Structures are given as C-alpha cells and as structure tokens.
Amino acid sequence: MARCEGTTQSGEQCKLDAQEDSRFCHLHGEKEAEADQESAAAEEALCWDDVAHLVLAGVVVAGMFLFIRSFGKWIPRL
C-alpha cells in the first residue's frame, strides 16, 4: 500500500498509509477535499470579478456613445 502524500504540521511527509483509490490517508483526504472545494470557489469568484469589470466598462462606453450621439441634433455637420 502506498504512503500518504500529505504533510504534517512540521512539513514532513505523513507516515500513514493512503486509503484505497486515494493518494491520502483518512486524515489528509478530508483536508484535501476541503482545500479543492475552496480553491474551486476562489477561481469561480475570480472569473466573475474579471467579467464584471468588462461588463461595467462596456456599459459606460455605450452610455457615452449614446450621450454624445444625442448632441447631433444641435451640432451642425461640417
């Protein structure tokens, strides 16, 4: 049976055996699953933050375009 790939608080490799169909023991397997879920949630939030800035910039540019275009009624064309 393979050794757990987790690390102890002192930074050494765990000395327990890994569970079947896993790279980690019963202690580190739960922590790894929680860490994976947290990192996935962080990546998802990061992606939305990037998109939100782009959407806001697009709305501002469209608003400026429509605002400037509305002055065309009063400004003669050259």
N, C-alpha and C. Protein backbone atom coordinates (compact mmCIF):
# COMPACT_ATOMS: atom_id res chain seq x y z
N MET A 1 0.85 -1.18 0.00
CA MET A 1 0.00 0.00 0.00
C MET A 1 0.90 1.24 0.00
N ALA A 2 0.47 2.28 -0.69
CA ALA A 2 1.27 3.50 -0.83
C ALA A 2 1.17 4.37 0.42
N ARG A 3 2.18 5.19 0.59
CA ARG A 3 2.19 6.13 1.69
C ARG A 3 1.38 7.37 1.36
N CYS A 4 0.83 7.99 2.37
CA CYS A 4 0.05 9.22 2.20
C CYS A 4 0.96 10.33 1.68
N GLU A 5 0.45 11.14 0.75
CA GLU A 5 1.22 12.24 0.19
C GLU A 5 1.04 13.54 0.97
N GLY A 6 0.24 13.50 2.02
CA GLY A 6 0.03 14.69 2.85
C GLY A 6 1.26 15.04 3.66
N THR A 7 1.26 16.24 4.20
CA THR A 7 2.38 16.68 5.04
C THR A 7 1.89 16.99 6.44
N THR A 8 2.77 16.80 7.40
CA THR A 8 2.44 17.11 8.79
C THR A 8 2.65 18.61 9.04
N GLN A 9 2.30 19.05 10.25
CA GLN A 9 2.48 20.46 10.58
C GLN A 9 3.95 20.86 10.56
N SER A 10 4.83 19.91 10.81
CA SER A 10 6.26 20.22 10.79
C SER A 10 6.84 20.21 9.37
N GLY A 11 6.02 19.85 8.37
CA GLY A 11 6.46 19.86 6.98
C GLY A 11 6.96 18.53 6.47
N GLU A 12 6.96 17.50 7.30
CA GLU A 12 7.40 16.17 6.88
C GLU A 12 6.26 15.41 6.23
N GLN A 13 6.60 14.41 5.42
CA GLN A 13 5.57 13.59 4.79
C GLN A 13 4.87 12.73 5.83
N CYS A 14 3.57 12.57 5.69
CA CYS A 14 2.79 11.75 6.61
C CYS A 14 3.26 10.29 6.53
N LYS A 15 3.25 9.61 7.65
CA LYS A 15 3.73 8.24 7.70
C LYS A 15 2.60 7.20 7.62
N LEU A 16 1.36 7.66 7.52
CA LEU A 16 0.23 6.73 7.42
C LEU A 16 0.09 6.21 6.00
N ASP A 17 -0.60 5.08 5.87
CA ASP A 17 -0.88 4.51 4.56
C ASP A 17 -2.04 5.26 3.91
N ALA A 18 -1.97 5.40 2.59
CA ALA A 18 -3.04 6.05 1.85
C ALA A 18 -4.25 5.13 1.77
N GLN A 19 -5.42 5.72 1.68
CA GLN A 19 -6.65 4.94 1.53
C GLN A 19 -6.71 4.36 0.12
N GLU A 20 -7.55 3.35 -0.06
CA GLU A 20 -7.72 2.76 -1.39
C GLU A 20 -8.28 3.81 -2.33
N ASP A 21 -7.80 3.84 -3.57
CA ASP A 21 -8.24 4.78 -4.61
C ASP A 21 -8.02 6.24 -4.20
N SER A 22 -7.00 6.50 -3.40
CA SER A 22 -6.69 7.85 -2.97
C SER A 22 -5.19 7.98 -2.77
N ARG A 23 -4.71 9.20 -2.82
CA ARG A 23 -3.30 9.45 -2.55
C ARG A 23 -3.06 9.84 -1.09
N PHE A 24 -4.15 9.96 -0.31
CA PHE A 24 -4.05 10.45 1.04
C PHE A 24 -4.66 9.50 2.06
N CYS A 25 -4.23 9.65 3.32
CA CYS A 25 -4.78 8.84 4.41
C CYS A 25 -6.13 9.41 4.84
N HIS A 26 -6.74 8.80 5.88
CA HIS A 26 -8.05 9.25 6.32
C HIS A 26 -8.00 10.66 6.92
N LEU A 27 -6.87 11.10 7.42
CA LEU A 27 -6.74 12.45 7.99
C LEU A 27 -6.56 13.51 6.91
N HIS A 28 -5.66 13.26 5.98
CA HIS A 28 -5.36 14.26 4.97
C HIS A 28 -6.34 14.25 3.81
N GLY A 29 -7.05 13.16 3.59
CA GLY A 29 -8.02 13.09 2.50
C GLY A 29 -9.13 14.10 2.66
N GLU A 30 -9.63 14.27 3.87
CA GLU A 30 -10.71 15.23 4.12
C GLU A 30 -10.21 16.65 3.93
N LYS A 31 -9.01 16.93 4.39
CA LYS A 31 -8.46 18.29 4.26
C LYS A 31 -8.23 18.64 2.80
N GLU A 32 -7.77 17.68 2.01
CA GLU A 32 -7.53 17.93 0.59
C GLU A 32 -8.84 18.20 -0.14
N ALA A 33 -9.90 17.47 0.21
CA ALA A 33 -11.20 17.68 -0.43
C ALA A 33 -11.72 19.08 -0.11
N GLU A 34 -11.56 19.52 1.14
CA GLU A 34 -12.00 20.86 1.52
C GLU A 34 -11.16 21.91 0.79
N ALA A 35 -9.88 21.70 0.69
CA ALA A 35 -9.00 22.65 0.01
C ALA A 35 -9.35 22.75 -1.47
N ASP A 36 -9.68 21.62 -2.11
CA ASP A 36 -10.07 21.63 -3.51
C ASP A 36 -11.35 22.43 -3.71
N GLN A 37 -12.32 22.26 -2.81
CA GLN A 37 -13.58 22.99 -2.92
C GLN A 37 -13.36 24.49 -2.74
N GLU A 38 -12.52 24.86 -1.78
CA GLU A 38 -12.24 26.27 -1.54
C GLU A 38 -11.51 26.90 -2.73
N SER A 39 -10.57 26.18 -3.31
CA SER A 39 -9.83 26.73 -4.45
C SER A 39 -10.74 26.85 -5.67
N ALA A 40 -11.65 25.90 -5.86
CA ALA A 40 -12.58 25.99 -6.98
C ALA A 40 -13.51 27.19 -6.81
N ALA A 41 -13.97 27.42 -5.59
CA ALA A 41 -14.84 28.57 -5.33
C ALA A 41 -14.07 29.87 -5.55
N ALA A 42 -12.81 29.91 -5.14
CA ALA A 42 -11.99 31.12 -5.33
C ALA A 42 -11.76 31.39 -6.81
N GLU A 43 -11.51 30.35 -7.59
CA GLU A 43 -11.32 30.53 -9.03
C GLU A 43 -12.60 31.02 -9.69
N GLU A 44 -13.74 30.51 -9.26
CA GLU A 44 -15.01 30.92 -9.83
C GLU A 44 -15.29 32.39 -9.51
N ALA A 45 -15.01 32.80 -8.29
CA ALA A 45 -15.21 34.19 -7.90
C ALA A 45 -14.27 35.10 -8.67
N LEU A 46 -13.05 34.68 -8.89
CA LEU A 46 -12.09 35.47 -9.62
C LEU A 46 -12.55 35.68 -11.05
N CYS A 47 -13.08 34.66 -11.67
CA CYS A 47 -13.55 34.78 -13.05
C CYS A 47 -14.70 35.79 -13.13
N TRP A 48 -15.64 35.75 -12.19
CA TRP A 48 -16.78 36.66 -12.21
C TRP A 48 -16.30 38.09 -11.99
N ASP A 49 -15.32 38.30 -11.12
CA ASP A 49 -14.80 39.64 -10.89
C ASP A 49 -14.20 40.22 -12.16
N ASP A 50 -13.49 39.42 -12.92
CA ASP A 50 -12.91 39.89 -14.17
C ASP A 50 -13.99 40.26 -15.17
N VAL A 51 -15.01 39.43 -15.28
CA VAL A 51 -16.09 39.67 -16.23
C VAL A 51 -16.91 40.90 -15.81
N ALA A 52 -17.11 41.08 -14.51
CA ALA A 52 -17.90 42.21 -14.04
C ALA A 52 -17.25 43.53 -14.44
N HIS A 53 -15.93 43.62 -14.37
CA HIS A 53 -15.25 44.85 -14.79
C HIS A 53 -15.42 45.10 -16.28
N LEU A 54 -15.36 44.06 -17.07
CA LEU A 54 -15.54 44.22 -18.52
C LEU A 54 -16.96 44.64 -18.86
N VAL A 55 -17.93 44.07 -18.18
CA VAL A 55 -19.33 44.44 -18.43
C VAL A 55 -19.56 45.89 -18.04
N LEU A 56 -19.05 46.30 -16.90
CA LEU A 56 -19.21 47.68 -16.46
C LEU A 56 -18.55 48.65 -17.45
N ALA A 57 -17.37 48.32 -17.94
CA ALA A 57 -16.69 49.17 -18.92
C ALA A 57 -17.52 49.27 -20.20
N GLY A 58 -18.09 48.16 -20.63
CA GLY A 58 -18.93 48.17 -21.83
C GLY A 58 -20.16 49.04 -21.67
N VAL A 59 -20.79 48.99 -20.51
CA VAL A 59 -21.97 49.81 -20.25
C VAL A 59 -21.60 51.29 -20.25
N VAL A 60 -20.47 51.63 -19.66
CA VAL A 60 -20.03 53.03 -19.62
C VAL A 60 -19.74 53.53 -21.03
N VAL A 61 -19.05 52.75 -21.83
CA VAL A 61 -18.73 53.16 -23.21
C VAL A 61 -20.01 53.32 -24.03
N ALA A 62 -20.95 52.40 -23.89
CA ALA A 62 -22.21 52.51 -24.63
C ALA A 62 -22.98 53.75 -24.19
N GLY A 63 -23.00 54.03 -22.91
CA GLY A 63 -23.68 55.22 -22.41
C GLY A 63 -23.05 56.50 -22.94
N MET A 64 -21.72 56.55 -22.96
CA MET A 64 -21.04 57.73 -23.50
C MET A 64 -21.34 57.90 -24.99
N PHE A 65 -21.36 56.80 -25.73
CA PHE A 65 -21.67 56.86 -27.16
C PHE A 65 -23.07 57.43 -27.39
N LEU A 66 -24.05 56.93 -26.65
CA LEU A 66 -25.41 57.41 -26.82
C LEU A 66 -25.56 58.86 -26.37
N PHE A 67 -24.85 59.25 -25.32
CA PHE A 67 -24.91 60.63 -24.84
C PHE A 67 -24.34 61.59 -25.88
N ILE A 68 -23.18 61.26 -26.43
CA ILE A 68 -22.56 62.13 -27.43
C ILE A 68 -23.38 62.14 -28.72
N ARG A 69 -23.96 61.02 -29.08
CA ARG A 69 -24.78 60.93 -30.30
C ARG A 69 -26.03 61.81 -30.19
N SER A 70 -26.54 61.97 -28.97
CA SER A 70 -27.75 62.78 -28.80
C SER A 70 -27.49 64.25 -29.10
N PHE A 71 -26.24 64.72 -29.04
CA PHE A 71 -25.92 66.11 -29.36
C PHE A 71 -25.94 66.36 -30.86
N GLY A 72 -26.04 65.35 -31.66
CA GLY A 72 -26.05 65.51 -33.12
C GLY A 72 -27.21 66.34 -33.61
N LYS A 73 -28.28 66.43 -32.85
CA LYS A 73 -29.45 67.22 -33.26
C LYS A 73 -29.13 68.71 -33.22
N TRP A 74 -28.24 69.11 -32.31
CA TRP A 74 -27.97 70.53 -32.12
C TRP A 74 -26.65 70.97 -32.74
N ILE A 75 -25.78 70.05 -33.08
CA ILE A 75 -24.49 70.41 -33.66
C ILE A 75 -24.56 70.17 -35.17
N PRO A 76 -24.33 71.22 -35.96
CA PRO A 76 -24.40 71.04 -37.41
C PRO A 76 -23.22 70.21 -37.91
N ARG A 77 -23.45 69.45 -38.96
CA ARG A 77 -22.38 68.64 -39.56
C ARG A 77 -21.55 69.51 -40.47
N LEU A 78 -20.29 69.26 -40.53
CA LEU A 78 -19.39 70.04 -41.38
C LEU A 78 -19.21 69.42 -42.74
